[in-house]
Amino acid sequence: MTQAKTPVRQFFDLYASETAQGDMHAIVSHFADPFLSAGPSGAQSVRVDDFADAVPKRKALFDRLGSQPAQLVGFREAPLDSRYVLVRTSWRMSFVRENTPEQELDVESTFLIDTGPPQTDPTDFKILLYLTHQDLMQILRDLKILQS
């Protein structure tokens, strides 16, 4: 018997689909204004307008590197209370470039999601925290996908 997807999983499936399609407006709409971006080099508050300017540039870079749409391969959610949910994810990235074998890597990230008041539609959930667990650019340099 198949278990129904939670609203938070529905949100992440939508987010993954929109990311794969390159729907910049939809991707940005899922983030709170501002949100906290954190990773190995520290944390900073990010305004959605600044994020909206950066997302297309990041996509263009990854397209040049031969990146294929990332696949959500790991998902664990932990409700913190009736409104907030901590979600640990794993994403499989693959890079296809001319004269080079396909390269895959898995990266992990954690999100703090505001699900809003009860009965909120998952499309209205907001990402309050986006935490990357690895330095992706350094990994890409180490794999010779990104040239310094």
C-alpha atoms as a PDB file:
ATOM      1  CA  MET A   1       0.000   0.000   0.000  1.00  0.00           C
ATOM      2  CA  THR A   2       1.432   3.372  -1.007  1.00  0.00           C
ATOM      3  CA  GLN A   3       1.635   5.975   1.718  1.00  0.00           C
ATOM      4  CA  ALA A   4       0.297   9.435   0.853  1.00  0.00           C
ATOM      5  CA  LYS A   5       2.904  12.167   0.532  1.00  0.00           C
ATOM      6  CA  THR A   6       2.988  14.735   3.286  1.00  0.00           C
ATOM      7  CA  PRO A   7       2.320  18.368   2.343  1.00  0.00           C
ATOM      8  CA  VAL A   8       6.012  19.134   2.924  1.00  0.00           C
ATOM      9  CA  ARG A   9       7.035  16.338   0.535  1.00  0.00           C
ATOM     10  CA  GLN A  10       4.539  17.696  -2.008  1.00  0.00           C
ATOM     11  CA  PHE A  11       6.205  21.106  -1.619  1.00  0.00           C
ATOM     12  CA  PHE A  12       9.665  19.632  -2.257  1.00  0.00           C
ATOM     13  CA  ASP A  13       8.486  17.629  -5.259  1.00  0.00           C
ATOM     14  CA  LEU A  14       7.083  20.862  -6.697  1.00  0.00           C
ATOM     15  CA  TYR A  15      10.296  22.753  -5.875  1.00  0.00           C
ATOM     16  CA  ALA A  16      12.426  20.022  -7.515  1.00  0.00           C
ATOM     17  CA  SER A  17      10.216  20.036 -10.611  1.00  0.00           C
ATOM     18  CA  GLU A  18      10.329  23.821 -10.956  1.00  0.00           C
ATOM     19  CA  THR A  19      14.089  23.779 -10.488  1.00  0.00           C
ATOM     20  CA  ALA A  20      14.467  21.100 -13.191  1.00  0.00           C
ATOM     21  CA  GLN A  21      12.310  23.184 -15.542  1.00  0.00           C
ATOM     22  CA  GLY A  22      14.326  26.319 -14.797  1.00  0.00           C
ATOM     23  CA  ASP A  23      11.248  28.250 -13.672  1.00  0.00           C
ATOM     24  CA  MET A  24      13.125  31.075 -11.946  1.00  0.00           C
ATOM     25  CA  HIS A  25      10.025  32.984 -10.831  1.00  0.00           C
ATOM     26  CA  ALA A  26       8.522  29.879  -9.208  1.00  0.00           C
ATOM     27  CA  ILE A  27      11.786  28.929  -7.492  1.00  0.00           C
ATOM     28  CA  VAL A  28      12.222  32.392  -5.982  1.00  0.00           C
ATOM     29  CA  SER A  29       8.571  32.516  -4.866  1.00  0.00           C
ATOM     30  CA  HIS A  30       9.211  29.668  -2.409  1.00  0.00           C
ATOM     31  CA  PHE A  31      11.679  31.690  -0.325  1.00  0.00           C
ATOM     32  CA  ALA A  32      10.771  34.024   2.540  1.00  0.00           C
ATOM     33  CA  ASP A  33      11.884  37.625   2.285  1.00  0.00           C
ATOM     34  CA  PRO A  34      14.478  37.697   3.686  1.00  0.00           C
ATOM     35  CA  PHE A  35      15.718  34.143   4.244  1.00  0.00           C
ATOM     36  CA  LEU A  36      18.883  32.807   5.855  1.00  0.00           C
ATOM     37  CA  SER A  37      21.450  31.178   3.589  1.00  0.00           C
ATOM     38  CA  ALA A  38      24.143  29.212   5.404  1.00  0.00           C
ATOM     39  CA  GLY A  39      26.967  26.888   4.518  1.00  0.00           C
ATOM     40  CA  PRO A  40      30.571  25.983   5.238  1.00  0.00           C
ATOM     41  CA  SER A  41      31.714  29.606   4.835  1.00  0.00           C
ATOM     42  CA  GLY A  42      29.110  31.131   7.158  1.00  0.00           C
ATOM     43  CA  ALA A  43      25.592  32.539   7.086  1.00  0.00           C
ATOM     44  CA  GLN A  44      23.906  35.603   5.697  1.00  0.00           C
ATOM     45  CA  SER A  45      20.474  37.083   5.370  1.00  0.00           C
ATOM     46  CA  VAL A  46      19.383  37.221   1.721  1.00  0.00           C
ATOM     47  CA  ARG A  47      16.730  39.487   0.276  1.00  0.00           C
ATOM     48  CA  VAL A  48      14.492  37.787  -2.275  1.00  0.00           C
ATOM     49  CA  ASP A  49      15.199  40.509  -4.864  1.00  0.00           C
ATOM     50  CA  ASP A  50      18.938  39.815  -4.592  1.00  0.00           C
ATOM     51  CA  PHE A  51      18.280  36.078  -4.785  1.00  0.00           C
ATOM     52  CA  ALA A  52      16.110  36.598  -7.878  1.00  0.00           C
ATOM     53  CA  ASP A  53      19.063  38.366  -9.540  1.00  0.00           C
ATOM     54  CA  ALA A  54      21.498  35.575  -8.600  1.00  0.00           C
ATOM     55  CA  VAL A  55      19.438  32.498  -9.531  1.00  0.00           C
ATOM     56  CA  PRO A  56      19.600  32.962 -13.339  1.00  0.00           C
ATOM     57  CA  LYS A  57      23.362  33.567 -13.155  1.00  0.00           C
ATOM     58  CA  ARG A  58      23.839  30.385 -11.143  1.00  0.00           C
ATOM     59  CA  LYS A  59      21.689  28.432 -13.603  1.00  0.00           C
ATOM     60  CA  ALA A  60      23.705  29.795 -16.541  1.00  0.00           C
ATOM     61  CA  LEU A  61      26.961  28.714 -14.866  1.00  0.00           C
ATOM     62  CA  PHE A  62      25.641  25.219 -14.191  1.00  0.00           C
ATOM     63  CA  ASP A  63      24.300  24.942 -17.744  1.00  0.00           C
ATOM     64  CA  ARG A  64      27.786  25.800 -19.070  1.00  0.00           C
ATOM     65  CA  LEU A  65      29.219  23.064 -16.830  1.00  0.00           C
ATOM     66  CA  GLY A  66      26.842  20.490 -18.345  1.00  0.00           C
ATOM     67  CA  SER A  67      24.648  20.146 -15.291  1.00  0.00           C
ATOM     68  CA  GLN A  68      21.531  18.057 -15.702  1.00  0.00           C
ATOM     69  CA  PRO A  69      18.446  18.654 -13.516  1.00  0.00           C
ATOM     70  CA  ALA A  70      19.203  17.659  -9.918  1.00  0.00           C
ATOM     71  CA  GLN A  71      17.200  14.765  -8.542  1.00  0.00           C
ATOM     72  CA  LEU A  72      15.850  14.704  -4.993  1.00  0.00           C
ATOM     73  CA  VAL A  73      17.196  11.354  -3.741  1.00  0.00           C
ATOM     74  CA  GLY A  74      16.942  11.792   0.036  1.00  0.00           C
ATOM     75  CA  PHE A  75      14.273  13.422   2.156  1.00  0.00           C
ATOM     76  CA  ARG A  76      13.711  13.450   5.921  1.00  0.00           C
ATOM     77  CA  GLU A  77      11.316  15.834   7.591  1.00  0.00           C
ATOM     78  CA  ALA A  78      11.132  16.599  11.288  1.00  0.00           C
ATOM     79  CA  PRO A  79       8.239  18.775  12.474  1.00  0.00           C
ATOM     80  CA  LEU A  80       9.404  21.287  15.074  1.00  0.00           C
ATOM     81  CA  ASP A  81       5.874  22.360  15.999  1.00  0.00           C
ATOM     82  CA  SER A  82       2.537  22.844  14.246  1.00  0.00           C
ATOM     83  CA  ARG A  83       3.999  25.374  11.793  1.00  0.00           C
ATOM     84  CA  TYR A  84       7.736  24.794  11.261  1.00  0.00           C
ATOM     85  CA  VAL A  85       9.424  21.753   9.738  1.00  0.00           C
ATOM     86  CA  LEU A  86      13.128  20.974   9.429  1.00  0.00           C
ATOM     87  CA  VAL A  87      13.884  19.027   6.247  1.00  0.00           C
ATOM     88  CA  ARG A  88      17.152  17.260   5.439  1.00  0.00           C
ATOM     89  CA  THR A  89      17.577  16.574   1.718  1.00  0.00           C
ATOM     90  CA  SER A  90      20.030  14.878  -0.612  1.00  0.00           C
ATOM     91  CA  TRP A  91      20.261  15.885  -4.256  1.00  0.00           C
ATOM     92  CA  ARG A  92      21.990  13.948  -7.029  1.00  0.00           C
ATOM     93  CA  MET A  93      23.699  16.173  -9.526  1.00  0.00           C
ATOM     94  CA  SER A  94      25.118  14.938 -12.791  1.00  0.00           C
ATOM     95  CA  PHE A  95      27.321  16.710 -15.280  1.00  0.00           C
ATOM     96  CA  VAL A  96      27.506  15.723 -18.925  1.00  0.00           C
ATOM     97  CA  ARG A  97      30.267  17.342 -20.939  1.00  0.00           C
ATOM     98  CA  GLU A  98      31.801  16.686 -24.312  1.00  0.00           C
ATOM     99  CA  ASN A  99      34.628  14.118 -24.351  1.00  0.00           C
ATOM    100  CA  THR A 100      34.204  13.451 -20.616  1.00  0.00           C
ATOM    101  CA  PRO A 101      32.380  10.626 -18.846  1.00  0.00           C
ATOM    102  CA  GLU A 102      29.267  11.683 -16.967  1.00  0.00           C
ATOM    103  CA  GLN A 103      30.075  12.694 -13.403  1.00  0.00           C
ATOM    104  CA  GLU A 104      27.596  12.373 -10.556  1.00  0.00           C
ATOM    105  CA  LEU A 105      27.725  13.701  -7.041  1.00  0.00           C
ATOM    106  CA  ASP A 106      25.334  13.859  -4.141  1.00  0.00           C
ATOM    107  CA  VAL A 107      25.014  17.006  -2.052  1.00  0.00           C
ATOM    108  CA  GLU A 108      23.082  17.533   1.139  1.00  0.00           C
ATOM    109  CA  SER A 109      21.117  20.521   2.322  1.00  0.00           C
ATOM    110  CA  THR A 110      18.788  21.333   5.169  1.00  0.00           C
ATOM    111  CA  PHE A 111      15.778  23.613   4.986  1.00  0.00           C
ATOM    112  CA  LEU A 112      13.608  25.220   7.623  1.00  0.00           C
ATOM    113  CA  ILE A 113      10.108  25.480   6.179  1.00  0.00           C
ATOM    114  CA  ASP A 114       7.286  27.723   7.376  1.00  0.00           C
ATOM    115  CA  THR A 115       4.102  25.849   6.518  1.00  0.00           C
ATOM    116  CA  GLY A 116       1.916  28.741   7.674  1.00  0.00           C
ATOM    117  CA  PRO A 117      -1.295  28.324   9.615  1.00  0.00           C
ATOM    118  CA  PRO A 118      -3.161  25.004   9.389  1.00  0.00           C
ATOM    119  CA  GLN A 119      -4.684  24.180   6.005  1.00  0.00           C
ATOM    120  CA  THR A 120      -2.148  26.276   4.071  1.00  0.00           C
ATOM    121  CA  ASP A 121      -1.607  25.024   0.534  1.00  0.00           C
ATOM    122  CA  PRO A 122       1.904  23.526   0.103  1.00  0.00           C
ATOM    123  CA  THR A 123       2.545  25.907  -2.799  1.00  0.00           C
ATOM    124  CA  ASP A 124       2.422  28.734  -0.227  1.00  0.00           C
ATOM    125  CA  PHE A 125       5.056  27.260   2.119  1.00  0.00           C
ATOM    126  CA  LYS A 126       8.178  29.399   2.548  1.00  0.00           C
ATOM    127  CA  ILE A 127      11.832  28.483   2.942  1.00  0.00           C
ATOM    128  CA  LEU A 128      13.216  30.380   5.955  1.00  0.00           C
ATOM    129  CA  LEU A 129      16.644  28.696   6.008  1.00  0.00           C
ATOM    130  CA  TYR A 130      18.667  27.108   3.225  1.00  0.00           C
ATOM    131  CA  LEU A 131      21.733  25.358   4.634  1.00  0.00           C
ATOM    132  CA  THR A 132      24.251  23.674   2.333  1.00  0.00           C
ATOM    133  CA  HIS A 133      26.484  21.082   3.962  1.00  0.00           C
ATOM    134  CA  GLN A 134      29.311  21.071   1.417  1.00  0.00           C
ATOM    135  CA  ASP A 135      31.201  23.718  -0.530  1.00  0.00           C
ATOM    136  CA  LEU A 136      29.778  22.810  -3.938  1.00  0.00           C
ATOM    137  CA  MET A 137      32.097  25.086  -5.896  1.00  0.00           C
ATOM    138  CA  GLN A 138      35.146  23.487  -4.249  1.00  0.00           C
ATOM    139  CA  ILE A 139      33.784  20.007  -5.011  1.00  0.00           C
ATOM    140  CA  LEU A 140      33.314  21.010  -8.665  1.00  0.00           C
ATOM    141  CA  ARG A 141      36.891  22.343  -8.777  1.00  0.00           C
ATOM    142  CA  ASP A 142      38.216  19.151  -7.171  1.00  0.00           C
ATOM    143  CA  LEU A 143      36.370  17.058  -9.790  1.00  0.00           C
ATOM    144  CA  LYS A 144      37.750  19.324 -12.558  1.00  0.00           C
ATOM    145  CA  ILE A 145      34.192  20.210 -13.619  1.00  0.00           C
ATOM    146  CA  LEU A 146      34.817  23.855 -12.744  1.00  0.00           C
ATOM    147  CA  GLN A 147      38.147  25.342 -13.703  1.00  0.00           C
ATOM    148  CA  SER A 148      39.577  27.792 -11.165  1.00  0.00           C
END
